[in-house]
Amino acid sequence: MSEQPLVLVADDDDDILMLLRIGLQRVGLEVVVAHDGEEALRIARELKPRVAVLDVSMPNLDGLEVLGALRSDGAETRVVLLTAKAQETDVERGYAAGADAYLKKPFSPAELVARVQSLLGGT
């Protein structure tokens, strides 16, 4: 692993994965991707990323389930939930589950990068 902070991006949409990987790498972050919740949880437990960007609606395990497992593990990974669900109750559920940030689709890639950098302490 490099000395750059590691960010996990998990989404079942390859276009979003590519967009986020490029944006985060452009600001000097190391990025690993997952295509579903099970893969995201396995990678998170193995590599212990500083930040995870989790799509709420993924196959196998959804983003909230991955977040719940990470919090149960005591993981210090900061989590951004990325979702098309825009209802206030969905946002409240995400924060109640332990999310550090919640971004609604469609989103600005620049805003997501800024939020990740903020969670990393301005890295």
PDB file of N, CA and C in Angstrom:
ATOM      1  N   MET A   1       0.828  -1.184   0.000  1.00  0.00           N
ATOM      2  CA  MET A   1       0.000   0.000   0.000  1.00  0.00           C
ATOM      3  C   MET A   1       0.879   1.258   0.000  1.00  0.00           C
ATOM      4  N   SER A   2       0.387   2.262  -0.653  1.00  0.00           N
ATOM      5  CA  SER A   2       1.115   3.523  -0.689  1.00  0.00           C
ATOM      6  C   SER A   2       0.866   4.289   0.603  1.00  0.00           C
ATOM      7  N   GLU A   3       1.495   5.453   0.705  1.00  0.00           N
ATOM      8  CA  GLU A   3       1.312   6.276   1.896  1.00  0.00           C
ATOM      9  C   GLU A   3       0.084   7.161   1.790  1.00  0.00           C
ATOM     10  N   GLN A   4      -0.567   7.174   0.639  1.00  0.00           N
ATOM     11  CA  GLN A   4      -1.768   7.984   0.452  1.00  0.00           C
ATOM     12  C   GLN A   4      -2.939   7.347   1.202  1.00  0.00           C
ATOM     13  N   PRO A   5      -3.873   8.168   1.707  1.00  0.00           N
ATOM     14  CA  PRO A   5      -5.056   7.600   2.357  1.00  0.00           C
ATOM     15  C   PRO A   5      -5.829   6.707   1.389  1.00  0.00           C
ATOM     16  N   LEU A   6      -6.324   5.591   1.905  1.00  0.00           N
ATOM     17  CA  LEU A   6      -7.076   4.646   1.093  1.00  0.00           C
ATOM     18  C   LEU A   6      -8.566   4.934   1.225  1.00  0.00           C
ATOM     19  N   VAL A   7      -9.232   4.995   0.068  1.00  0.00           N
ATOM     20  CA  VAL A   7     -10.675   5.207   0.009  1.00  0.00           C
ATOM     21  C   VAL A   7     -11.298   4.023  -0.721  1.00  0.00           C
ATOM     22  N   LEU A   8     -12.312   3.438  -0.124  1.00  0.00           N
ATOM     23  CA  LEU A   8     -13.092   2.374  -0.745  1.00  0.00           C
ATOM     24  C   LEU A   8     -14.335   2.999  -1.359  1.00  0.00           C
ATOM     25  N   VAL A   9     -14.595   2.690  -2.623  1.00  0.00           N
ATOM     26  CA  VAL A   9     -15.819   3.134  -3.294  1.00  0.00           C
ATOM     27  C   VAL A   9     -16.589   1.891  -3.704  1.00  0.00           C
ATOM     28  N   ALA A  10     -17.833   1.775  -3.238  1.00  0.00           N
ATOM     29  CA  ALA A  10     -18.648   0.605  -3.542  1.00  0.00           C
ATOM     30  C   ALA A  10     -19.955   1.032  -4.186  1.00  0.00           C
ATOM     31  N   ASP A  11     -20.165   0.551  -5.404  1.00  0.00           N
ATOM     32  CA  ASP A  11     -21.388   0.854  -6.152  1.00  0.00           C
ATOM     33  C   ASP A  11     -21.536  -0.215  -7.220  1.00  0.00           C
ATOM     34  N   ASP A  12     -22.760  -0.569  -7.554  1.00  0.00           N
ATOM     35  CA  ASP A  12     -22.959  -1.575  -8.598  1.00  0.00           C
ATOM     36  C   ASP A  12     -23.033  -0.950  -9.990  1.00  0.00           C
ATOM     37  N   ASP A  13     -22.822   0.347 -10.090  1.00  0.00           N
ATOM     38  CA  ASP A  13     -22.811   1.059 -11.373  1.00  0.00           C
ATOM     39  C   ASP A  13     -21.360   1.346 -11.763  1.00  0.00           C
ATOM     40  N   ASP A  14     -20.894   0.672 -12.808  1.00  0.00           N
ATOM     41  CA  ASP A  14     -19.493   0.824 -13.235  1.00  0.00           C
ATOM     42  C   ASP A  14     -19.144   2.255 -13.623  1.00  0.00           C
ATOM     43  N   ASP A  15     -20.104   2.989 -14.198  1.00  0.00           N
ATOM     44  CA  ASP A  15     -19.829   4.378 -14.581  1.00  0.00           C
ATOM     45  C   ASP A  15     -19.553   5.250 -13.355  1.00  0.00           C
ATOM     46  N   ILE A  16     -20.335   5.048 -12.301  1.00  0.00           N
ATOM     47  CA  ILE A  16     -20.117   5.812 -11.067  1.00  0.00           C
ATOM     48  C   ILE A  16     -18.782   5.422 -10.440  1.00  0.00           C
ATOM     49  N   LEU A  17     -18.476   4.125 -10.433  1.00  0.00           N
ATOM     50  CA  LEU A  17     -17.184   3.689  -9.889  1.00  0.00           C
ATOM     51  C   LEU A  17     -16.023   4.361 -10.614  1.00  0.00           C
ATOM     52  N   MET A  18     -16.080   4.389 -11.944  1.00  0.00           N
ATOM     53  CA  MET A  18     -14.996   4.987 -12.727  1.00  0.00           C
ATOM     54  C   MET A  18     -14.907   6.488 -12.461  1.00  0.00           C
ATOM     55  N   LEU A  19     -16.036   7.162 -12.445  1.00  0.00           N
ATOM     56  CA  LEU A  19     -16.073   8.597 -12.208  1.00  0.00           C
ATOM     57  C   LEU A  19     -15.465   8.944 -10.847  1.00  0.00           C
ATOM     58  N   LEU A  20     -15.858   8.210  -9.823  1.00  0.00           N
ATOM     59  CA  LEU A  20     -15.359   8.491  -8.473  1.00  0.00           C
ATOM     60  C   LEU A  20     -13.890   8.109  -8.321  1.00  0.00           C
ATOM     61  N   ARG A  21     -13.498   6.993  -8.909  1.00  0.00           N
ATOM     62  CA  ARG A  21     -12.097   6.591  -8.824  1.00  0.00           C
ATOM     63  C   ARG A  21     -11.204   7.674  -9.443  1.00  0.00           C
ATOM     64  N   ILE A  22     -11.563   8.152 -10.618  1.00  0.00           N
ATOM     65  CA  ILE A  22     -10.759   9.184 -11.289  1.00  0.00           C
ATOM     66  C   ILE A  22     -10.723  10.464 -10.455  1.00  0.00           C
ATOM     67  N   GLY A  23     -11.883  10.895  -9.962  1.00  0.00           N
ATOM     68  CA  GLY A  23     -11.931  12.126  -9.168  1.00  0.00           C
ATOM     69  C   GLY A  23     -11.111  12.051  -7.899  1.00  0.00           C
ATOM     70  N   LEU A  24     -11.181  10.928  -7.215  1.00  0.00           N
ATOM     71  CA  LEU A  24     -10.433  10.772  -5.958  1.00  0.00           C
ATOM     72  C   LEU A  24      -8.940  10.589  -6.215  1.00  0.00           C
ATOM     73  N   GLN A  25      -8.593   9.856  -7.263  1.00  0.00           N
ATOM     74  CA  GLN A  25      -7.173   9.692  -7.591  1.00  0.00           C
ATOM     75  C   GLN A  25      -6.557  11.012  -8.030  1.00  0.00           C
ATOM     76  N   ARG A  26      -7.346  11.840  -8.693  1.00  0.00           N
ATOM     77  CA  ARG A  26      -6.862  13.134  -9.172  1.00  0.00           C
ATOM     78  C   ARG A  26      -6.383  14.029  -8.021  1.00  0.00           C
ATOM     79  N   VAL A  27      -6.950  13.843  -6.822  1.00  0.00           N
ATOM     80  CA  VAL A  27      -6.516  14.637  -5.669  1.00  0.00           C
ATOM     81  C   VAL A  27      -5.517  13.863  -4.802  1.00  0.00           C
ATOM     82  N   GLY A  28      -4.975  12.781  -5.356  1.00  0.00           N
ATOM     83  CA  GLY A  28      -3.889  12.075  -4.686  1.00  0.00           C
ATOM     84  C   GLY A  28      -4.286  10.973  -3.730  1.00  0.00           C
ATOM     85  N   LEU A  29      -5.513  10.503  -3.814  1.00  0.00           N
ATOM     86  CA  LEU A  29      -5.949   9.440  -2.921  1.00  0.00           C
ATOM     87  C   LEU A  29      -5.820   8.086  -3.601  1.00  0.00           C
ATOM     88  N   GLU A  30      -5.569   7.076  -2.806  1.00  0.00           N
ATOM     89  CA  GLU A  30      -5.544   5.707  -3.317  1.00  0.00           C
ATOM     90  C   GLU A  30      -6.965   5.171  -3.234  1.00  0.00           C
ATOM     91  N   VAL A  31      -7.434   4.542  -4.309  1.00  0.00           N
ATOM     92  CA  VAL A  31      -8.827   4.104  -4.380  1.00  0.00           C
ATOM     93  C   VAL A  31      -8.894   2.621  -4.703  1.00  0.00           C
ATOM     94  N   VAL A  32      -9.768   1.920  -3.985  1.00  0.00           N
ATOM     95  CA  VAL A  32     -10.096   0.529  -4.291  1.00  0.00           C
ATOM     96  C   VAL A  32     -11.608   0.485  -4.469  1.00  0.00           C
ATOM     97  N   VAL A  33     -12.076  -0.331  -5.417  1.00  0.00           N
ATOM     98  CA  VAL A  33     -13.508  -0.365  -5.702  1.00  0.00           C
ATOM     99  C   VAL A  33     -14.103  -1.737  -5.406  1.00  0.00           C
ATOM    100  N   ALA A  34     -15.406  -1.715  -5.129  1.00  0.00           N
ATOM    101  CA  ALA A  34     -16.182  -2.936  -4.926  1.00  0.00           C
ATOM    102  C   ALA A  34     -17.483  -2.792  -5.704  1.00  0.00           C
ATOM    103  N   HIS A  35     -17.974  -3.919  -6.224  1.00  0.00           N
ATOM    104  CA  HIS A  35     -19.173  -3.896  -7.055  1.00  0.00           C
ATOM    105  C   HIS A  35     -20.440  -4.324  -6.322  1.00  0.00           C
ATOM    106  N   ASP A  36     -20.302  -4.775  -5.091  1.00  0.00           N
ATOM    107  CA  ASP A  36     -21.473  -5.128  -4.292  1.00  0.00           C
ATOM    108  C   ASP A  36     -21.105  -5.044  -2.816  1.00  0.00           C
ATOM    109  N   GLY A  37     -22.119  -5.193  -1.973  1.00  0.00           N
ATOM    110  CA  GLY A  37     -21.912  -5.022  -0.547  1.00  0.00           C
ATOM    111  C   GLY A  37     -21.009  -6.061   0.091  1.00  0.00           C
ATOM    112  N   GLU A  38     -21.119  -7.321  -0.336  1.00  0.00           N
ATOM    113  CA  GLU A  38     -20.256  -8.360   0.232  1.00  0.00           C
ATOM    114  C   GLU A  38     -18.791  -8.083  -0.067  1.00  0.00           C
ATOM    115  N   GLU A  39     -18.511  -7.706  -1.305  1.00  0.00           N
ATOM    116  CA  GLU A  39     -17.134  -7.373  -1.694  1.00  0.00           C
ATOM    117  C   GLU A  39     -16.648  -6.150  -0.912  1.00  0.00           C
ATOM    118  N   ALA A  40     -17.525  -5.161  -0.749  1.00  0.00           N
ATOM    119  CA  ALA A  40     -17.154  -3.949  -0.005  1.00  0.00           C
ATOM    120  C   ALA A  40     -16.787  -4.280   1.443  1.00  0.00           C
ATOM    121  N   LEU A  41     -17.584  -5.116   2.077  1.00  0.00           N
ATOM    122  CA  LEU A  41     -17.317  -5.473   3.473  1.00  0.00           C
ATOM    123  C   LEU A  41     -16.022  -6.266   3.595  1.00  0.00           C
ATOM    124  N   ARG A  42     -15.805  -7.200   2.678  1.00  0.00           N
ATOM    125  CA  ARG A  42     -14.562  -7.988   2.705  1.00  0.00           C
ATOM    126  C   ARG A  42     -13.346  -7.069   2.548  1.00  0.00           C
ATOM    127  N   ILE A  43     -13.392  -6.166   1.574  1.00  0.00           N
ATOM    128  CA  ILE A  43     -12.274  -5.241   1.337  1.00  0.00           C
ATOM    129  C   ILE A  43     -12.079  -4.324   2.537  1.00  0.00           C
ATOM    130  N   ALA A  44     -13.171  -3.804   3.078  1.00  0.00           N
ATOM    131  CA  ALA A  44     -13.070  -2.893   4.227  1.00  0.00           C
ATOM    132  C   ALA A  44     -12.430  -3.581   5.425  1.00  0.00           C
ATOM    133  N   ARG A  45     -12.815  -4.818   5.670  1.00  0.00           N
ATOM    134  CA  ARG A  45     -12.249  -5.544   6.807  1.00  0.00           C
ATOM    135  C   ARG A  45     -10.778  -5.877   6.581  1.00  0.00           C
ATOM    136  N   GLU A  46     -10.419  -6.160   5.344  1.00  0.00           N
ATOM    137  CA  GLU A  46      -9.045  -6.540   5.025  1.00  0.00           C
ATOM    138  C   GLU A  46      -8.102  -5.337   4.954  1.00  0.00           C
ATOM    139  N   LEU A  47      -8.531  -4.280   4.263  1.00  0.00           N
ATOM    140  CA  LEU A  47      -7.640  -3.151   3.985  1.00  0.00           C
ATOM    141  C   LEU A  47      -7.817  -1.958   4.916  1.00  0.00           C
ATOM    142  N   LYS A  48      -8.924  -1.918   5.658  1.00  0.00           N
ATOM    143  CA  LYS A  48      -9.204  -0.853   6.610  1.00  0.00           C
ATOM    144  C   LYS A  48      -9.019   0.552   6.001  1.00  0.00           C
ATOM    145  N   PRO A  49      -9.846   0.885   5.004  1.00  0.00           N
ATOM    146  CA  PRO A  49      -9.729   2.209   4.384  1.00  0.00           C
ATOM    147  C   PRO A  49     -10.070   3.311   5.378  1.00  0.00           C
ATOM    148  N   ARG A  50      -9.522   4.496   5.148  1.00  0.00           N
ATOM    149  CA  ARG A  50      -9.836   5.635   6.017  1.00  0.00           C
ATOM    150  C   ARG A  50     -11.255   6.128   5.762  1.00  0.00           C
ATOM    151  N   VAL A  51     -11.699   6.041   4.494  1.00  0.00           N
ATOM    152  CA  VAL A  51     -13.056   6.454   4.125  1.00  0.00           C
ATOM    153  C   VAL A  51     -13.649   5.407   3.191  1.00  0.00           C
ATOM    154  N   ALA A  52     -14.951   5.158   3.352  1.00  0.00           N
ATOM    155  CA  ALA A  52     -15.688   4.298   2.424  1.00  0.00           C
ATOM    156  C   ALA A  52     -16.877   5.083   1.885  1.00  0.00           C
ATOM    157  N   VAL A  53     -17.029   5.058   0.575  1.00  0.00           N
ATOM    158  CA  VAL A  53     -18.196   5.639  -0.085  1.00  0.00           C
ATOM    159  C   VAL A  53     -19.061   4.456  -0.495  1.00  0.00           C
ATOM    160  N   LEU A  54     -20.237   4.343   0.120  1.00  0.00           N
ATOM    161  CA  LEU A  54     -21.086   3.171  -0.067  1.00  0.00           C
ATOM    162  C   LEU A  54     -22.418   3.553  -0.691  1.00  0.00           C
ATOM    163  N   ASP A  55     -22.735   2.937  -1.824  1.00  0.00           N
ATOM    164  CA  ASP A  55     -24.062   3.090  -2.404  1.00  0.00           C
ATOM    165  C   ASP A  55     -25.039   2.347  -1.494  1.00  0.00           C
ATOM    166  N   VAL A  56     -26.162   2.966  -1.205  1.00  0.00           N
ATOM    167  CA  VAL A  56     -27.128   2.318  -0.324  1.00  0.00           C
ATOM    168  C   VAL A  56     -27.773   1.114  -1.010  1.00  0.00           C
ATOM    169  N   SER A  57     -28.051   1.219  -2.306  1.00  0.00           N
ATOM    170  CA  SER A  57     -28.756   0.141  -3.025  1.00  0.00           C
ATOM    171  C   SER A  57     -27.789  -0.710  -3.833  1.00  0.00           C
ATOM    172  N   MET A  58     -27.170  -1.683  -3.165  1.00  0.00           N
ATOM    173  CA  MET A  58     -26.252  -2.612  -3.829  1.00  0.00           C
ATOM    174  C   MET A  58     -26.762  -4.036  -3.641  1.00  0.00           C
ATOM    175  N   PRO A  59     -26.367  -4.939  -4.556  1.00  0.00           N
ATOM    176  CA  PRO A  59     -26.749  -6.346  -4.373  1.00  0.00           C
ATOM    177  C   PRO A  59     -25.990  -7.003  -3.212  1.00  0.00           C
ATOM    178  N   ASN A  60     -26.524  -8.100  -2.762  1.00  0.00           N
ATOM    179  CA  ASN A  60     -25.965  -8.936  -1.691  1.00  0.00           C
ATOM    180  C   ASN A  60     -26.125  -8.270  -0.330  1.00  0.00           C
ATOM    181  N   LEU A  61     -25.341  -7.282  -0.023  1.00  0.00           N
ATOM    182  CA  LEU A  61     -25.535  -6.461   1.174  1.00  0.00           C
ATOM    183  C   LEU A  61     -25.703  -5.032   0.693  1.00  0.00           C
ATOM    184  N   ASP A  62     -26.662  -4.292   1.262  1.00  0.00           N
ATOM    185  CA  ASP A  62     -26.774  -2.901   0.850  1.00  0.00           C
ATOM    186  C   ASP A  62     -25.810  -2.045   1.677  1.00  0.00           C
ATOM    187  N   GLY A  63     -25.692  -0.786   1.306  1.00  0.00           N
ATOM    188  CA  GLY A  63     -24.741   0.093   1.980  1.00  0.00           C
ATOM    189  C   GLY A  63     -24.994   0.246   3.467  1.00  0.00           C
ATOM    190  N   LEU A  64     -26.268   0.260   3.869  1.00  0.00           N
ATOM    191  CA  LEU A  64     -26.583   0.365   5.299  1.00  0.00           C
ATOM    192  C   LEU A  64     -26.153  -0.885   6.057  1.00  0.00           C
ATOM    193  N   GLU A  65     -26.292  -2.048   5.413  1.00  0.00           N
ATOM    194  CA  GLU A  65     -25.850  -3.293   6.057  1.00  0.00           C
ATOM    195  C   GLU A  65     -24.328  -3.325   6.194  1.00  0.00           C
ATOM    196  N   VAL A  66     -23.627  -2.855   5.171  1.00  0.00           N
ATOM    197  CA  VAL A  66     -22.163  -2.783   5.244  1.00  0.00           C
ATOM    198  C   VAL A  66     -21.758  -1.818   6.347  1.00  0.00           C
ATOM    199  N   LEU A  67     -22.402  -0.660   6.383  1.00  0.00           N
ATOM    200  CA  LEU A  67     -22.119   0.330   7.432  1.00  0.00           C
ATOM    201  C   LEU A  67     -22.358  -0.272   8.811  1.00  0.00           C
ATOM    202  N   GLY A  68     -23.478  -0.956   8.986  1.00  0.00           N
ATOM    203  CA  GLY A  68     -23.789  -1.576  10.274  1.00  0.00           C
ATOM    204  C   GLY A  68     -22.744  -2.594  10.690  1.00  0.00           C
ATOM    205  N   ALA A  69     -22.281  -3.401   9.741  1.00  0.00           N
ATOM    206  CA  ALA A  69     -21.247  -4.396  10.045  1.00  0.00           C
ATOM    207  C   ALA A  69     -19.937  -3.714  10.432  1.00  0.00           C
ATOM    208  N   LEU A  70     -19.583  -2.652   9.721  1.00  0.00           N
ATOM    209  CA  LEU A  70     -18.345  -1.934  10.055  1.00  0.00           C
ATOM    210  C   LEU A  70     -18.432  -1.323  11.450  1.00  0.00           C
ATOM    211  N   ARG A  71     -19.568  -0.745  11.768  1.00  0.00           N
ATOM    212  CA  ARG A  71     -19.722  -0.146  13.096  1.00  0.00           C
ATOM    213  C   ARG A  71     -19.708  -1.234  14.171  1.00  0.00           C
ATOM    214  N   SER A  72     -20.315  -2.390  13.896  1.00  0.00           N
ATOM    215  CA  SER A  72     -20.288  -3.506  14.856  1.00  0.00           C
ATOM    216  C   SER A  72     -18.875  -4.018  15.073  1.00  0.00           C
ATOM    217  N   ASP A  73     -18.063  -3.958  14.000  1.00  0.00           N
ATOM    218  CA  ASP A  73     -16.665  -4.380  14.090  1.00  0.00           C
ATOM    219  C   ASP A  73     -15.812  -3.379  14.871  1.00  0.00           C
ATOM    220  N   GLY A  74     -16.347  -2.180  15.086  1.00  0.00           N
ATOM    221  CA  GLY A  74     -15.560  -1.130  15.723  1.00  0.00           C
ATOM    222  C   GLY A  74     -14.627  -0.420  14.755  1.00  0.00           C
ATOM    223  N   ALA A  75     -14.874  -0.569  13.455  1.00  0.00           N
ATOM    224  CA  ALA A  75     -14.019   0.049  12.436  1.00  0.00           C
ATOM    225  C   ALA A  75     -14.077   1.564  12.549  1.00  0.00           C
ATOM    226  N   GLU A  76     -12.928   2.197  12.361  1.00  0.00           N
ATOM    227  CA  GLU A  76     -12.846   3.651  12.417  1.00  0.00           C
ATOM    228  C   GLU A  76     -13.025   4.294  11.048  1.00  0.00           C
ATOM    229  N   THR A  77     -13.347   3.506  10.057  1.00  0.00           N
ATOM    230  CA  THR A  77     -13.565   4.003   8.702  1.00  0.00           C
ATOM    231  C   THR A  77     -14.690   5.031   8.708  1.00  0.00           C
ATOM    232  N   ARG A  78     -14.424   6.195   8.118  1.00  0.00           N
ATOM    233  CA  ARG A  78     -15.467   7.209   7.938  1.00  0.00           C
ATOM    234  C   ARG A  78     -16.300   6.783   6.734  1.00  0.00           C
ATOM    235  N   VAL A  79     -17.611   6.995   6.778  1.00  0.00           N
ATOM    236  CA  VAL A  79     -18.495   6.479   5.732  1.00  0.00           C
ATOM    237  C   VAL A  79     -19.369   7.583   5.144  1.00  0.00           C
ATOM    238  N   VAL A  80     -19.346   7.626   3.802  1.00  0.00           N
ATOM    239  CA  VAL A  80     -20.254   8.477   3.034  1.00  0.00           C
ATOM    240  C   VAL A  80     -21.259   7.551   2.361  1.00  0.00           C
ATOM    241  N   LEU A  81     -22.539   7.758   2.627  1.00  0.00           N
ATOM    242  CA  LEU A  81     -23.570   6.998   1.938  1.00  0.00           C
ATOM    243  C   LEU A  81     -23.962   7.753   0.677  1.00  0.00           C
ATOM    244  N   LEU A  82     -24.069   7.016  -0.403  1.00  0.00           N
ATOM    245  CA  LEU A  82     -24.417   7.576  -1.708  1.00  0.00           C
ATOM    246  C   LEU A  82     -25.700   6.893  -2.149  1.00  0.00           C
ATOM    247  N   THR A  83     -26.753   7.686  -2.387  1.00  0.00           N
ATOM    248  CA  THR A  83     -28.028   7.043  -2.663  1.00  0.00           C
ATOM    249  C   THR A  83     -28.971   7.897  -3.484  1.00  0.00           C
ATOM    250  N   ALA A  84     -29.872   7.217  -4.161  1.00  0.00           N
ATOM    251  CA  ALA A  84     -30.938   7.890  -4.895  1.00  0.00           C
ATOM    252  C   ALA A  84     -32.131   8.147  -3.973  1.00  0.00           C
ATOM    253  N   LYS A  85     -32.114   7.559  -2.799  1.00  0.00           N
ATOM    254  CA  LYS A  85     -33.213   7.741  -1.852  1.00  0.00           C
ATOM    255  C   LYS A  85     -33.079   9.109  -1.191  1.00  0.00           C
ATOM    256  N   ALA A  86     -34.044   9.984  -1.470  1.00  0.00           N
ATOM    257  CA  ALA A  86     -33.915  11.367  -1.021  1.00  0.00           C
ATOM    258  C   ALA A  86     -34.906  11.749   0.071  1.00  0.00           C
ATOM    259  N   GLN A  87     -35.672  10.794   0.565  1.00  0.00           N
ATOM    260  CA  GLN A  87     -36.633  11.108   1.611  1.00  0.00           C
ATOM    261  C   GLN A  87     -35.908  11.423   2.917  1.00  0.00           C
ATOM    262  N   GLU A  88     -36.460  12.339   3.681  1.00  0.00           N
ATOM    263  CA  GLU A  88     -35.853  12.736   4.950  1.00  0.00           C
ATOM    264  C   GLU A  88     -35.653  11.537   5.874  1.00  0.00           C
ATOM    265  N   THR A  89     -36.597  10.586   5.865  1.00  0.00           N
ATOM    266  CA  THR A  89     -36.465   9.415   6.729  1.00  0.00           C
ATOM    267  C   THR A  89     -35.279   8.546   6.309  1.00  0.00           C
ATOM    268  N   ASP A  90     -34.983   8.498   4.988  1.00  0.00           N
ATOM    269  CA  ASP A  90     -33.825   7.740   4.511  1.00  0.00           C
ATOM    270  C   ASP A  90     -32.533   8.364   5.014  1.00  0.00           C
ATOM    271  N   VAL A  91     -32.471   9.685   4.965  1.00  0.00           N
ATOM    272  CA  VAL A  91     -31.293  10.405   5.440  1.00  0.00           C
ATOM    273  C   VAL A  91     -31.119  10.169   6.942  1.00  0.00           C
ATOM    274  N   GLU A  92     -32.203  10.296   7.689  1.00  0.00           N
ATOM    275  CA  GLU A  92     -32.147  10.067   9.139  1.00  0.00           C
ATOM    276  C   GLU A  92     -31.682   8.651   9.452  1.00  0.00           C
ATOM    277  N   ARG A  93     -32.186   7.670   8.683  1.00  0.00           N
ATOM    278  CA  ARG A  93     -31.784   6.268   8.887  1.00  0.00           C
ATOM    279  C   ARG A  93     -30.288   6.085   8.645  1.00  0.00           C
ATOM    280  N   GLY A  94     -29.768   6.745   7.614  1.00  0.00           N
ATOM    281  CA  GLY A  94     -28.344   6.657   7.314  1.00  0.00           C
ATOM    282  C   GLY A  94     -27.486   7.214   8.442  1.00  0.00           C
ATOM    283  N   TYR A  95     -27.853   8.389   8.923  1.00  0.00           N
ATOM    284  CA  TYR A  95     -27.080   8.976  10.021  1.00  0.00           C
ATOM    285  C   TYR A  95     -27.234   8.168  11.308  1.00  0.00           C
ATOM    286  N   ALA A  96     -28.433   7.647  11.550  1.00  0.00           N
ATOM    287  CA  ALA A  96     -28.653   6.821  12.746  1.00  0.00           C
ATOM    288  C   ALA A  96     -27.802   5.557  12.707  1.00  0.00           C
ATOM    289  N   ALA A  97     -27.534   5.056  11.501  1.00  0.00           N
ATOM    290  CA  ALA A  97     -26.712   3.851  11.351  1.00  0.00           C
ATOM    291  C   ALA A  97     -25.223   4.137  11.526  1.00  0.00           C
ATOM    292  N   GLY A  98     -24.857   5.419  11.581  1.00  0.00           N
ATOM    293  CA  GLY A  98     -23.459   5.762  11.820  1.00  0.00           C
ATOM    294  C   GLY A  98     -22.742   6.400  10.647  1.00  0.00           C
ATOM    295  N   ALA A  99     -23.493   6.841   9.630  1.00  0.00           N
ATOM    296  CA  ALA A  99     -22.853   7.495   8.483  1.00  0.00           C
ATOM    297  C   ALA A  99     -22.260   8.842   8.908  1.00  0.00           C
ATOM    298  N   ASP A 100     -21.162   9.212   8.270  1.00  0.00           N
ATOM    299  CA  ASP A 100     -20.530  10.500   8.518  1.00  0.00           C
ATOM    300  C   ASP A 100     -21.025  11.562   7.539  1.00  0.00           C
ATOM    301  N   ALA A 101     -21.511  11.121   6.388  1.00  0.00           N
ATOM    302  CA  ALA A 101     -22.043  12.031   5.380  1.00  0.00           C
ATOM    303  C   ALA A 101     -23.029  11.256   4.512  1.00  0.00           C
ATOM    304  N   TYR A 102     -23.931  11.992   3.894  1.00  0.00           N
ATOM    305  CA  TYR A 102     -24.978  11.383   3.072  1.00  0.00           C
ATOM    306  C   TYR A 102     -25.108  12.241   1.828  1.00  0.00           C
ATOM    307  N   LEU A 103     -24.900  11.658   0.667  1.00  0.00           N
ATOM    308  CA  LEU A 103     -24.954  12.405  -0.588  1.00  0.00           C
ATOM    309  C   LEU A 103     -25.999  11.769  -1.494  1.00  0.00           C
ATOM    310  N   LYS A 104     -26.909  12.595  -2.014  1.00  0.00           N
ATOM    311  CA  LYS A 104     -28.003  12.101  -2.843  1.00  0.00           C
ATOM    312  C   LYS A 104     -27.630  12.142  -4.322  1.00  0.00           C
ATOM    313  N   LYS A 105     -28.031  11.074  -5.050  1.00  0.00           N
ATOM    314  CA  LYS A 105     -27.863  11.028  -6.500  1.00  0.00           C
ATOM    315  C   LYS A 105     -29.015  11.801  -7.132  1.00  0.00           C
ATOM    316  N   PRO A 106     -28.804  12.510  -8.238  1.00  0.00           N
ATOM    317  CA  PRO A 106     -27.494  12.743  -8.860  1.00  0.00           C
ATOM    318  C   PRO A 106     -26.673  13.684  -7.989  1.00  0.00           C
ATOM    319  N   PHE A 107     -25.377  13.481  -8.014  1.00  0.00           N
ATOM    320  CA  PHE A 107     -24.491  14.243  -7.152  1.00  0.00           C
ATOM    321  C   PHE A 107     -23.397  14.884  -7.987  1.00  0.00           C
ATOM    322  N   SER A 108     -22.744  15.858  -7.388  1.00  0.00           N
ATOM    323  CA  SER A 108     -21.598  16.496  -8.014  1.00  0.00           C
ATOM    324  C   SER A 108     -20.355  15.722  -7.608  1.00  0.00           C
ATOM    325  N   PRO A 109     -19.595  15.178  -8.575  1.00  0.00           N
ATOM    326  CA  PRO A 109     -18.362  14.478  -8.217  1.00  0.00           C
ATOM    327  C   PRO A 109     -17.413  15.370  -7.412  1.00  0.00           C
ATOM    328  N   ALA A 110     -17.370  16.659  -7.729  1.00  0.00           N
ATOM    329  CA  ALA A 110     -16.498  17.580  -6.989  1.00  0.00           C
ATOM    330  C   ALA A 110     -16.938  17.686  -5.532  1.00  0.00           C
ATOM    331  N   GLU A 111     -18.254  17.683  -5.293  1.00  0.00           N
ATOM    332  CA  GLU A 111     -18.747  17.739  -3.917  1.00  0.00           C
ATOM    333  C   GLU A 111     -18.363  16.470  -3.163  1.00  0.00           C
ATOM    334  N   LEU A 112     -18.494  15.318  -3.818  1.00  0.00           N
ATOM    335  CA  LEU A 112     -18.125  14.072  -3.155  1.00  0.00           C
ATOM    336  C   LEU A 112     -16.638  14.071  -2.802  1.00  0.00           C
ATOM    337  N   VAL A 113     -15.791  14.483  -3.722  1.00  0.00           N
ATOM    338  CA  VAL A 113     -14.349  14.550  -3.455  1.00  0.00           C
ATOM    339  C   VAL A 113     -14.090  15.495  -2.278  1.00  0.00           C
ATOM    340  N   ALA A 114     -14.774  16.634  -2.257  1.00  0.00           N
ATOM    341  CA  ALA A 114     -14.592  17.597  -1.156  1.00  0.00           C
ATOM    342  C   ALA A 114     -15.025  16.998   0.179  1.00  0.00           C
ATOM    343  N   ARG A 115     -16.118  16.252   0.166  1.00  0.00           N
ATOM    344  CA  ARG A 115     -16.574  15.620   1.425  1.00  0.00           C
ATOM    345  C   ARG A 115     -15.583  14.577   1.904  1.00  0.00           C
ATOM    346  N   VAL A 116     -15.062  13.777   0.997  1.00  0.00           N
ATOM    347  CA  VAL A 116     -14.063  12.775   1.365  1.00  0.00           C
ATOM    348  C   VAL A 116     -12.835  13.463   1.933  1.00  0.00           C
ATOM    349  N   GLN A 117     -12.371  14.510   1.277  1.00  0.00           N
ATOM    350  CA  GLN A 117     -11.199  15.239   1.769  1.00  0.00           C
ATOM    351  C   GLN A 117     -11.466  15.823   3.140  1.00  0.00           C
ATOM    352  N   SER A 118     -12.664  16.326   3.364  1.00  0.00           N
ATOM    353  CA  SER A 118     -13.025  16.867   4.669  1.00  0.00           C
ATOM    354  C   SER A 118     -12.972  15.785   5.753  1.00  0.00           C
ATOM    355  N   LEU A 119     -13.488  14.607   5.433  1.00  0.00           N
ATOM    356  CA  LEU A 119     -13.451  13.503   6.390  1.00  0.00           C
ATOM    357  C   LEU A 119     -12.023  13.037   6.676  1.00  0.00           C
ATOM    358  N   LEU A 120     -11.142  13.261   5.720  1.00  0.00           N
ATOM    359  CA  LEU A 120      -9.734  12.901   5.901  1.00  0.00           C
ATOM    360  C   LEU A 120      -8.938  14.009   6.602  1.00  0.00           C
ATOM    361  N   GLY A 121      -9.621  15.074   6.928  1.00  0.00           N
ATOM    362  CA  GLY A 121      -8.941  16.185   7.600  1.00  0.00           C
ATOM    363  C   GLY A 121      -8.233  17.103   6.615  1.00  0.00           C
ATOM    364  N   GLY A 122      -8.781  17.214   5.407  1.00  0.00           N
ATOM    365  CA  GLY A 122      -8.230  18.143   4.430  1.00  0.00           C
ATOM    366  C   GLY A 122      -7.096  17.584   3.612  1.00  0.00           C
ATOM    367  N   THR A 123      -6.890  16.258   3.659  1.00  0.00           N
ATOM    368  CA  THR A 123      -5.805  15.630   2.900  1.00  0.00           C
ATOM    369  C   THR A 123      -5.901  15.947   1.437  1.00  0.00           C
TER     370      THR A 123
END
